[in-house]
Amino acid sequence: MKFAVIEQCGYKAIDAGVLVVARSLETLSTAWVQFAVASQLFSNLGLKVQRR
């Protein structure tokens, strides 16, 4: 129920934990975008998250 909007948009929601984890994920995404731009692969580079 809490992920309804995400799932309606066609994405699979993943609960990444408590709010404090969001700060780490935000830093990771910033680094990922900087790498994609610097390598000139921004339009072709995707992020795949694997759950174990």
PDB file of N, CA and C in Angstrom:
ATOM      1  N   MET A   1       0.811  -1.192   0.000  1.00  0.00           N
ATOM      2  CA  MET A   1       0.000   0.000   0.000  1.00  0.00           C
ATOM      3  C   MET A   1       0.859   1.262   0.000  1.00  0.00           C
ATOM      4  N   LYS A   2       1.945   1.267   0.791  1.00  0.00           N
ATOM      5  CA  LYS A   2       2.761   2.475   0.861  1.00  0.00           C
ATOM      6  C   LYS A   2       3.575   2.705  -0.412  1.00  0.00           C
ATOM      7  N   PHE A   3       3.698   1.692  -1.261  1.00  0.00           N
ATOM      8  CA  PHE A   3       4.444   1.833  -2.505  1.00  0.00           C
ATOM      9  C   PHE A   3       3.535   1.917  -3.718  1.00  0.00           C
ATOM     10  N   ALA A   4       2.270   2.164  -3.515  1.00  0.00           N
ATOM     11  CA  ALA A   4       1.288   2.127  -4.605  1.00  0.00           C
ATOM     12  C   ALA A   4       1.645   3.072  -5.747  1.00  0.00           C
ATOM     13  N   VAL A   5       2.053   4.287  -5.449  1.00  0.00           N
ATOM     14  CA  VAL A   5       2.363   5.261  -6.500  1.00  0.00           C
ATOM     15  C   VAL A   5       3.552   4.798  -7.331  1.00  0.00           C
ATOM     16  N   ILE A   6       4.576   4.279  -6.668  1.00  0.00           N
ATOM     17  CA  ILE A   6       5.766   3.779  -7.368  1.00  0.00           C
ATOM     18  C   ILE A   6       5.388   2.630  -8.297  1.00  0.00           C
ATOM     19  N   GLU A   7       4.612   1.701  -7.795  1.00  0.00           N
ATOM     20  CA  GLU A   7       4.235   0.535  -8.583  1.00  0.00           C
ATOM     21  C   GLU A   7       3.282   0.894  -9.718  1.00  0.00           C
ATOM     22  N   GLN A   8       2.434   1.906  -9.525  1.00  0.00           N
ATOM     23  CA  GLN A   8       1.546   2.363 -10.598  1.00  0.00           C
ATOM     24  C   GLN A   8       2.333   2.980 -11.748  1.00  0.00           C
ATOM     25  N   CYS A   9       3.514   3.468 -11.461  1.00  0.00           N
ATOM     26  CA  CYS A   9       4.375   4.052 -12.499  1.00  0.00           C
ATOM     27  C   CYS A   9       5.189   2.980 -13.221  1.00  0.00           C
ATOM     28  N   GLY A  10       5.032   1.724 -12.829  1.00  0.00           N
ATOM     29  CA  GLY A  10       5.719   0.636 -13.512  1.00  0.00           C
ATOM     30  C   GLY A  10       7.039   0.229 -12.891  1.00  0.00           C
ATOM     31  N   TYR A  11       7.361   0.767 -11.717  1.00  0.00           N
ATOM     32  CA  TYR A  11       8.611   0.419 -11.043  1.00  0.00           C
ATOM     33  C   TYR A  11       8.346  -0.581  -9.933  1.00  0.00           C
ATOM     34  N   LYS A  12       9.368  -1.321  -9.548  1.00  0.00           N
ATOM     35  CA  LYS A  12       9.266  -2.226  -8.422  1.00  0.00           C
ATOM     36  C   LYS A  12       9.872  -1.528  -7.208  1.00  0.00           C
ATOM     37  N   ALA A  13       9.066  -1.328  -6.206  1.00  0.00           N
ATOM     38  CA  ALA A  13       9.523  -0.624  -5.002  1.00  0.00           C
ATOM     39  C   ALA A  13      10.355  -1.546  -4.127  1.00  0.00           C
ATOM     40  N   ILE A  14      11.400  -0.990  -3.553  1.00  0.00           N
ATOM     41  CA  ILE A  14      12.255  -1.725  -2.633  1.00  0.00           C
ATOM     42  C   ILE A  14      12.374  -0.909  -1.358  1.00  0.00           C
ATOM     43  N   ASP A  15      12.054  -1.505  -0.242  1.00  0.00           N
ATOM     44  CA  ASP A  15      12.206  -0.837   1.045  1.00  0.00           C
ATOM     45  C   ASP A  15      13.684  -0.911   1.421  1.00  0.00           C
ATOM     46  N   ALA A  16      14.366   0.232   1.409  1.00  0.00           N
ATOM     47  CA  ALA A  16      15.805   0.271   1.665  1.00  0.00           C
ATOM     48  C   ALA A  16      16.137   0.481   3.139  1.00  0.00           C
ATOM     49  N   GLY A  17      15.134   0.490   3.972  1.00  0.00           N
ATOM     50  CA  GLY A  17      15.387   0.625   5.404  1.00  0.00           C
ATOM     51  C   GLY A  17      14.921   1.954   5.951  1.00  0.00           C
ATOM     52  N   VAL A  18      15.442   2.292   7.088  1.00  0.00           N
ATOM     53  CA  VAL A  18      15.039   3.508   7.790  1.00  0.00           C
ATOM     54  C   VAL A  18      15.534   4.757   7.061  1.00  0.00           C
ATOM     55  N   LEU A  19      14.982   5.892   7.428  1.00  0.00           N
ATOM     56  CA  LEU A  19      15.276   7.142   6.740  1.00  0.00           C
ATOM     57  C   LEU A  19      16.759   7.504   6.742  1.00  0.00           C
ATOM     58  N   VAL A  20      17.490   7.133   7.769  1.00  0.00           N
ATOM     59  CA  VAL A  20      18.917   7.467   7.832  1.00  0.00           C
ATOM     60  C   VAL A  20      19.686   6.826   6.670  1.00  0.00           C
ATOM     61  N   VAL A  21      19.192   5.719   6.140  1.00  0.00           N
ATOM     62  CA  VAL A  21      19.829   5.056   4.997  1.00  0.00           C
ATOM     63  C   VAL A  21      19.723   5.927   3.747  1.00  0.00           C
ATOM     64  N   ALA A  22      18.692   6.744   3.667  1.00  0.00           N
ATOM     65  CA  ALA A  22      18.490   7.595   2.491  1.00  0.00           C
ATOM     66  C   ALA A  22      19.682   8.505   2.236  1.00  0.00           C
ATOM     67  N   ARG A  23      20.321   8.975   3.276  1.00  0.00           N
ATOM     68  CA  ARG A  23      21.485   9.861   3.107  1.00  0.00           C
ATOM     69  C   ARG A  23      22.618   9.150   2.371  1.00  0.00           C
ATOM     70  N   SER A  24      22.845   7.885   2.697  1.00  0.00           N
ATOM     71  CA  SER A  24      23.888   7.112   2.010  1.00  0.00           C
ATOM     72  C   SER A  24      23.511   6.854   0.561  1.00  0.00           C
ATOM     73  N   LEU A  25      22.245   6.533   0.315  1.00  0.00           N
ATOM     74  CA  LEU A  25      21.795   6.283  -1.051  1.00  0.00           C
ATOM     75  C   LEU A  25      21.873   7.553  -1.890  1.00  0.00           C
ATOM     76  N   GLU A  26      21.605   8.694  -1.278  1.00  0.00           N
ATOM     77  CA  GLU A  26      21.695   9.971  -1.995  1.00  0.00           C
ATOM     78  C   GLU A  26      23.136  10.234  -2.431  1.00  0.00           C
ATOM     79  N   THR A  27      24.090   9.973  -1.564  1.00  0.00           N
ATOM     80  CA  THR A  27      25.503  10.148  -1.891  1.00  0.00           C
ATOM     81  C   THR A  27      25.920   9.204  -3.012  1.00  0.00           C
ATOM     82  N   LEU A  28      25.462   7.963  -2.944  1.00  0.00           N
ATOM     83  CA  LEU A  28      25.774   6.987  -3.989  1.00  0.00           C
ATOM     84  C   LEU A  28      25.216   7.431  -5.336  1.00  0.00           C
ATOM     85  N   SER A  29      23.997   7.922  -5.355  1.00  0.00           N
ATOM     86  CA  SER A  29      23.404   8.333  -6.631  1.00  0.00           C
ATOM     87  C   SER A  29      24.122   9.543  -7.214  1.00  0.00           C
ATOM     88  N   THR A  30      24.570  10.453  -6.369  1.00  0.00           N
ATOM     89  CA  THR A  30      25.331  11.608  -6.860  1.00  0.00           C
ATOM     90  C   THR A  30      26.638  11.147  -7.511  1.00  0.00           C
ATOM     91  N   ALA A  31      27.342  10.237  -6.866  1.00  0.00           N
ATOM     92  CA  ALA A  31      28.589   9.709  -7.431  1.00  0.00           C
ATOM     93  C   ALA A  31      28.321   8.978  -8.745  1.00  0.00           C
ATOM     94  N   TRP A  32      27.206   8.234  -8.805  1.00  0.00           N
ATOM     95  CA  TRP A  32      26.858   7.487 -10.008  1.00  0.00           C
ATOM     96  C   TRP A  32      26.622   8.427 -11.189  1.00  0.00           C
ATOM     97  N   VAL A  33      25.898   9.506 -10.964  1.00  0.00           N
ATOM     98  CA  VAL A  33      25.617  10.466 -12.030  1.00  0.00           C
ATOM     99  C   VAL A  33      26.907  11.151 -12.471  1.00  0.00           C
ATOM    100  N   GLN A  34      27.766  11.515 -11.533  1.00  0.00           N
ATOM    101  CA  GLN A  34      29.035  12.149 -11.898  1.00  0.00           C
ATOM    102  C   GLN A  34      29.895  11.215 -12.740  1.00  0.00           C
ATOM    103  N   PHE A  35      29.927   9.942 -12.399  1.00  0.00           N
ATOM    104  CA  PHE A  35      30.668   8.960 -13.194  1.00  0.00           C
ATOM    105  C   PHE A  35      30.083   8.856 -14.598  1.00  0.00           C
ATOM    106  N   ALA A  36      28.761   8.798 -14.688  1.00  0.00           N
ATOM    107  CA  ALA A  36      28.096   8.656 -15.982  1.00  0.00           C
ATOM    108  C   ALA A  36      28.380   9.851 -16.883  1.00  0.00           C
ATOM    109  N   VAL A  37      28.358  11.050 -16.330  1.00  0.00           N
ATOM    110  CA  VAL A  37      28.620  12.253 -17.115  1.00  0.00           C
ATOM    111  C   VAL A  37      30.093  12.306 -17.525  1.00  0.00           C
ATOM    112  N   ALA A  38      30.993  12.032 -16.579  1.00  0.00           N
ATOM    113  CA  ALA A  38      32.431  12.103 -16.866  1.00  0.00           C
ATOM    114  C   ALA A  38      32.858  11.081 -17.914  1.00  0.00           C
ATOM    115  N   SER A  39      32.198   9.926 -17.936  1.00  0.00           N
ATOM    116  CA  SER A  39      32.559   8.890 -18.896  1.00  0.00           C
ATOM    117  C   SER A  39      31.820   9.032 -20.225  1.00  0.00           C
ATOM    118  N   GLN A  40      30.996  10.076 -20.321  1.00  0.00           N
ATOM    119  CA  GLN A  40      30.197  10.375 -21.517  1.00  0.00           C
ATOM    120  C   GLN A  40      29.267   9.212 -21.882  1.00  0.00           C
ATOM    121  N   LEU A  41      28.863   8.472 -20.877  1.00  0.00           N
ATOM    122  CA  LEU A  41      27.935   7.363 -21.077  1.00  0.00           C
ATOM    123  C   LEU A  41      26.585   7.632 -20.411  1.00  0.00           C
ATOM    124  N   PHE A  42      26.336   8.899 -20.076  1.00  0.00           N
ATOM    125  CA  PHE A  42      25.151   9.241 -19.294  1.00  0.00           C
ATOM    126  C   PHE A  42      23.865   8.690 -19.892  1.00  0.00           C
ATOM    127  N   SER A  43      23.699   8.826 -21.194  1.00  0.00           N
ATOM    128  CA  SER A  43      22.439   8.382 -21.804  1.00  0.00           C
ATOM    129  C   SER A  43      22.332   6.858 -21.921  1.00  0.00           C
ATOM    130  N   ASN A  44      23.450   6.154 -21.810  1.00  0.00           N
ATOM    131  CA  ASN A  44      23.445   4.690 -21.968  1.00  0.00           C
ATOM    132  C   ASN A  44      23.689   3.928 -20.668  1.00  0.00           C
ATOM    133  N   LEU A  45      23.920   4.662 -19.593  1.00  0.00           N
ATOM    134  CA  LEU A  45      24.315   4.021 -18.341  1.00  0.00           C
ATOM    135  C   LEU A  45      23.113   3.878 -17.424  1.00  0.00           C
ATOM    136  N   GLY A  46      22.873   2.685 -16.964  1.00  0.00           N
ATOM    137  CA  GLY A  46      21.753   2.425 -16.059  1.00  0.00           C
ATOM    138  C   GLY A  46      22.254   1.851 -14.756  1.00  0.00           C
ATOM    139  N   LEU A  47      21.425   1.923 -13.771  1.00  0.00           N
ATOM    140  CA  LEU A  47      21.760   1.381 -12.461  1.00  0.00           C
ATOM    141  C   LEU A  47      20.898   0.158 -12.215  1.00  0.00           C
ATOM    142  N   LYS A  48      21.529  -0.972 -11.970  1.00  0.00           N
ATOM    143  CA  LYS A  48      20.795  -2.194 -11.697  1.00  0.00           C
ATOM    144  C   LYS A  48      21.081  -2.602 -10.255  1.00  0.00           C
ATOM    145  N   VAL A  49      20.031  -2.734  -9.512  1.00  0.00           N
ATOM    146  CA  VAL A  49      20.159  -3.139  -8.114  1.00  0.00           C
ATOM    147  C   VAL A  49      19.776  -4.606  -8.009  1.00  0.00           C
ATOM    148  N   GLN A  50      20.628  -5.368  -7.394  1.00  0.00           N
ATOM    149  CA  GLN A  50      20.347  -6.793  -7.225  1.00  0.00           C
ATOM    150  C   GLN A  50      20.112  -7.074  -5.741  1.00  0.00           C
ATOM    151  N   ARG A  51      19.031  -7.787  -5.494  1.00  0.00           N
ATOM    152  CA  ARG A  51      18.732  -8.175  -4.134  1.00  0.00           C
ATOM    153  C   ARG A  51      19.127  -9.626  -3.935  1.00  0.00           C
ATOM    154  N   ARG A  52      19.696  -9.941  -2.813  1.00  0.00           N
ATOM    155  CA  ARG A  52      20.116 -11.308  -2.497  1.00  0.00           C
ATOM    156  C   ARG A  52      19.304 -11.838  -1.346  1.00  0.00           C
TER     157      ARG A  52
END
